[in-house]
Protein backbone atom coordinates (compact mmCIF):
# COMPACT_ATOMS: atom_id res chain seq x y z
CA MET A 1 104.27 71.21 71.06
CA LYS A 2 104.67 72.62 74.54
CA LYS A 3 101.61 74.51 75.66
CA ASN A 4 101.78 77.80 77.52
CA VAL A 5 100.08 77.45 80.86
CA ALA A 6 99.01 80.50 82.84
CA VAL A 7 99.96 80.23 86.50
CA ALA A 8 98.01 82.28 89.00
CA SER A 9 100.04 84.23 91.53
CA PRO A 10 99.50 82.92 95.10
CA ILE A 11 99.14 86.48 96.35
CA ALA A 12 96.98 87.88 93.57
CA PRO A 13 93.75 89.36 94.92
CA ALA A 14 90.54 87.69 93.90
CA PRO A 15 88.31 89.54 91.42
CA ALA A 16 86.06 92.07 93.12
CA ALA A 17 82.92 90.25 91.90
CA ALA A 18 84.08 86.79 93.01
CA ASP A 19 82.12 86.82 96.25
CA PRO A 20 79.80 89.75 97.01
CA ALA A 21 79.50 88.52 100.62
CA LYS A 22 83.13 89.39 101.28
CA LYS A 23 84.24 92.84 102.42
CA LYS A 24 86.55 94.46 99.87
CA ILE A 25 89.88 95.83 101.11
CA PHE A 26 92.19 98.17 99.19
CA LEU A 27 95.92 98.42 99.99
CA ALA A 28 97.92 101.64 99.53
CA ASP A 29 101.57 101.10 100.41
CA ASP A 30 104.77 101.86 98.52
CA HIS A 31 106.45 98.58 99.55
CA PRO A 32 105.38 95.63 97.33
CA ILE A 33 106.48 93.03 99.87
CA THR A 34 104.31 94.65 102.54
CA ARG A 35 101.30 94.69 100.22
CA GLN A 36 101.88 91.05 99.30
CA GLY A 37 102.15 89.93 102.91
CA ILE A 38 99.00 91.76 103.99
CA ALA A 39 97.14 90.50 100.91
CA VAL A 40 97.97 86.90 101.87
CA LEU A 41 96.62 87.43 105.40
CA ILE A 42 93.42 89.06 104.16
CA ASN A 43 92.66 86.70 101.29
CA GLN A 44 92.88 83.70 103.61
CA GLU A 45 89.91 85.01 105.57
CA PRO A 46 86.43 83.76 104.59
CA ASP A 47 84.83 87.20 104.92
CA LEU A 48 87.55 89.47 103.48
CA MET A 49 89.27 90.00 100.14
CA VAL A 50 91.80 92.39 98.60
CA CYS A 51 90.19 94.12 95.62
CA GLY A 52 93.12 96.30 94.55
CA GLU A 53 96.36 97.98 95.52
CA ALA A 54 98.55 100.99 94.71
CA ALA A 55 101.99 102.32 95.57
CA SER A 56 101.20 106.02 95.13
CA ALA A 57 98.58 108.38 96.50
CA ALA A 58 97.46 109.37 93.00
CA GLY A 59 97.06 105.75 91.95
CA ALA A 60 95.19 104.90 95.14
CA LEU A 61 92.84 107.87 94.78
CA ASP A 62 91.93 106.87 91.24
CA LEU A 63 91.47 103.14 91.90
CA ILE A 64 89.56 103.53 95.16
CA GLN A 65 87.00 105.73 93.41
CA LYS A 66 86.60 103.06 90.71
CA LEU A 67 86.64 99.93 92.91
CA LYS A 68 84.57 101.31 95.82
CA PRO A 69 86.16 99.15 98.57
CA ASP A 70 84.62 98.80 102.01
CA LEU A 71 87.92 99.71 103.67
CA ALA A 72 91.27 101.16 102.58
CA ILE A 73 94.52 100.38 104.40
CA ILE A 74 96.87 103.32 103.87
CA ASP A 75 100.51 103.90 104.75
CA ILE A 76 101.68 107.32 105.94
CA SER A 77 104.56 107.37 103.43
CA LEU A 78 103.55 106.94 99.79
CA LYS A 79 105.24 107.74 96.50
CA ALA A 80 105.10 111.46 95.69
CA SER A 81 102.66 112.32 98.48
CA SER A 82 101.63 111.83 102.08
CA GLY A 83 99.17 109.21 103.24
CA LEU A 84 97.58 111.87 105.42
CA GLU A 85 96.79 113.99 102.37
CA LEU A 86 95.37 110.94 100.64
CA ILE A 87 93.09 110.24 103.61
CA LYS A 88 91.79 113.82 103.59
CA ASN A 89 91.15 113.68 99.85
CA LEU A 90 89.40 110.32 100.10
CA LYS A 91 87.12 111.46 102.92
CA ALA A 92 86.19 114.54 100.91
CA LEU A 93 85.19 112.34 97.97
CA LEU A 94 83.97 109.20 99.74
CA ALA A 95 82.73 110.17 103.18
CA ASP A 96 81.54 106.66 104.03
CA LEU A 97 84.85 104.93 103.22
CA SER A 98 86.43 103.23 106.25
CA ILE A 99 90.17 103.87 106.53
CA LEU A 100 92.83 102.08 108.57
CA VAL A 101 96.41 103.38 108.69
CA MET A 102 99.24 100.86 108.80
CA SER A 103 102.66 102.47 109.12
CA MET A 104 106.20 102.08 110.36
CA HIS A 105 106.04 105.60 111.81
CA ASP A 106 105.71 106.08 115.56
CA GLU A 107 102.04 106.11 116.50
CA THR A 108 102.66 108.75 119.18
CA LEU A 109 103.41 111.23 116.39
CA TYR A 110 101.04 110.05 113.68
CA ALA A 111 98.03 108.22 115.14
CA GLU A 112 96.20 111.36 116.25
CA ARG A 113 97.03 113.07 112.95
CA ALA A 114 95.61 110.09 111.07
CA LEU A 115 92.40 110.15 113.12
CA ARG A 116 91.99 113.90 112.56
CA ALA A 117 92.45 113.33 108.83
CA GLY A 118 89.60 110.79 108.80
CA ALA A 119 91.07 107.38 109.60
CA MET A 120 89.44 105.15 112.21
CA GLY A 121 92.44 103.06 113.21
CA TYR A 122 96.22 102.93 113.37
CA VAL A 123 98.42 99.82 113.33
CA MET A 124 102.21 99.79 113.52
CA LYS A 125 103.73 97.64 110.75
CA GLN A 126 105.76 95.60 113.22
CA ASP A 127 102.47 94.58 114.85
CA ALA A 128 100.52 94.13 111.64
CA SER A 129 100.60 90.33 111.34
CA ALA A 130 99.11 89.98 114.82
CA LYS A 131 96.68 92.89 114.80
CA VAL A 132 95.67 93.86 111.27
CA LEU A 133 92.74 91.43 110.92
CA THR A 134 91.29 92.50 114.25
CA ALA A 135 91.84 96.14 113.30
CA ILE A 136 90.09 95.65 109.94
CA ARG A 137 87.02 94.06 111.49
CA THR A 138 86.91 96.66 114.27
CA VAL A 139 86.96 99.56 111.80
CA LEU A 140 84.46 97.87 109.48
CA LYS A 141 82.04 97.72 112.43
CA GLY A 142 82.38 101.48 112.80
CA ASP A 143 84.62 101.42 115.88
CA PHE A 144 88.06 102.95 116.39
CA PHE A 145 91.18 100.79 116.66
CA ILE A 146 94.08 102.46 118.47
CA SER A 147 96.54 101.31 121.10
CA ASP A 148 95.96 101.79 124.83
CA GLN A 149 98.89 104.24 124.86
CA ILE A 150 97.22 106.50 122.31
CA LYS A 151 93.88 106.23 124.11
CA THR A 152 95.61 107.41 127.30
CA ARG A 153 97.30 110.32 125.53
CA MET A 154 94.04 111.46 123.96
CA LEU A 155 92.19 111.19 127.26
CA GLN A 156 94.90 113.21 129.01
CA GLN A 157 94.57 115.92 126.36
CA THR A 158 90.78 115.91 126.61
CA ILE A 159 90.73 116.46 130.36
CA GLY A 160 93.42 119.10 130.15
CA HIS A 161 96.47 117.56 131.76
CA ARG A 162 99.15 115.08 130.89
CA ARG A 163 101.64 113.05 132.90
CA PRO A 164 105.29 114.24 132.55
CA GLU A 165 106.28 111.10 130.64
CA LEU A 166 103.62 111.91 128.05
CA ALA A 167 104.82 115.47 127.47
CA ALA A 168 104.78 116.51 123.83
CA SER A 169 108.02 116.82 121.87
CA PRO A 170 108.56 119.92 119.71
CA VAL A 171 107.98 117.80 116.60
CA GLU A 172 104.42 117.10 117.73
CA SER A 173 103.61 120.80 117.34
CA LEU A 174 104.17 120.65 113.58
CA SER A 175 101.26 120.72 111.18
CA ASP A 176 100.77 117.73 108.87
CA ARG A 177 102.42 119.53 105.94
CA GLU A 178 105.28 120.81 108.11
CA MET A 179 105.82 117.26 109.35
CA GLU A 180 105.93 116.02 105.76
CA VAL A 181 108.55 118.62 104.78
CA PHE A 182 110.52 117.94 107.98
CA GLN A 183 110.60 114.21 107.25
CA LEU A 184 111.74 114.78 103.66
CA ILE A 185 114.53 117.05 104.90
CA GLY A 186 115.60 114.29 107.27
CA ASN A 187 115.67 111.84 104.37
CA GLY A 188 118.15 114.03 102.51
CA PHE A 189 115.92 115.77 99.96
CA SER A 190 116.89 119.28 98.84
CA THR A 191 114.47 122.19 98.81
CA ARG A 192 113.94 121.86 95.06
CA GLU A 193 113.43 118.10 95.31
CA ILE A 194 110.87 118.55 98.08
CA ALA A 195 109.05 121.18 96.03
CA THR A 196 108.87 118.82 93.05
CA ARG A 197 107.79 115.87 95.18
CA LEU A 198 104.99 117.83 96.87
CA ASN A 199 104.03 119.80 93.76
CA LEU A 200 104.75 123.09 95.53
CA SER A 201 106.97 126.04 94.69
CA VAL A 202 110.53 126.38 95.98
CA LYS A 203 109.46 129.61 97.69
CA THR A 204 106.72 127.73 99.57
CA ILE A 205 109.18 125.09 100.78
CA ASP A 206 111.57 127.85 101.90
CA SER A 207 108.70 129.28 103.96
CA TYR A 208 108.05 125.90 105.52
CA ARG A 209 111.73 125.61 106.43
CA GLU A 210 111.54 128.97 108.20
CA HIS A 211 108.42 127.88 110.09
CA LEU A 212 110.17 124.66 111.10
CA LYS A 213 113.17 126.56 112.48
CA LEU A 214 110.87 128.76 114.55
CA LYS A 215 108.76 125.93 115.93
CA LEU A 216 111.78 123.73 116.69
CA GLN A 217 113.77 126.68 118.08
CA LEU A 218 116.64 126.25 115.64
CA THR A 219 118.84 129.08 114.44
CA SER A 220 120.05 127.95 111.03
CA GLY A 221 119.22 125.80 108.04
CA ALA A 222 122.13 123.52 108.89
CA ASP A 223 120.72 123.01 112.40
CA LEU A 224 117.37 122.09 110.86
CA VAL A 225 118.96 119.52 108.54
CA ARG A 226 120.93 117.93 111.40
CA TYR A 227 117.87 117.83 113.66
CA ALA A 228 115.71 116.31 110.91
CA ILE A 229 118.30 113.65 110.04
CA GLN A 230 118.69 112.69 113.71
CA TRP A 231 114.92 112.47 114.09
CA VAL A 232 114.53 110.23 111.02
CA LYS A 233 117.34 107.96 112.27
CA SER A 234 115.76 107.73 115.73
CA GLU A 235 112.44 106.77 114.14
CA ALA A 236 114.12 104.04 112.12
CA ILE A 237 115.81 102.64 115.25
CA SER A 238 112.59 102.75 117.28
């Protein structure tokens, strides 16, 4: 009789109790392939291990509270919610949790937002394979990990002036929630779909759309949709 043999997945994270000397890392990203690739990098290190993962903000919030990782790597875009909101919720519940953001979104628009929310580092996904391990260890030590470009921008803001090439775009003036709604508009979601996705009322989303038109100096809803779509496409190209 042929016996059934269990085969361990090469990317499966080790059990949290396997080695108490290792720092536990949690992955929150809605792309399975991304999670798998980062898990492979982390689990090959002698001092690090992946203890869990989630594709949604709700799932991540629940598991992180149960697993108590040393550090959470969080994407900006998650299923049914924003990574920024997840970071704020996590810091309210687990003030000592170290958080590193890893995202495809332009760091010039999101790195400072992530730091204000409670993260201590920001890595672009296209740079992750080369930088994520250094970023993890930097944040675990209690230091910030951001690019030289973002350091320059933040220093310019601190001292009260900025070079012309670093001038803010209108999109940078948006609040975190406005940015989330703006991005969803650019991805083709209707007002009702956005309301459902963010667990808000249609009336609230209509208000956000009006605020967006004012801040971006647009005259109509159609102009807002075109602007948002163009912005999302430009982000994808960059």
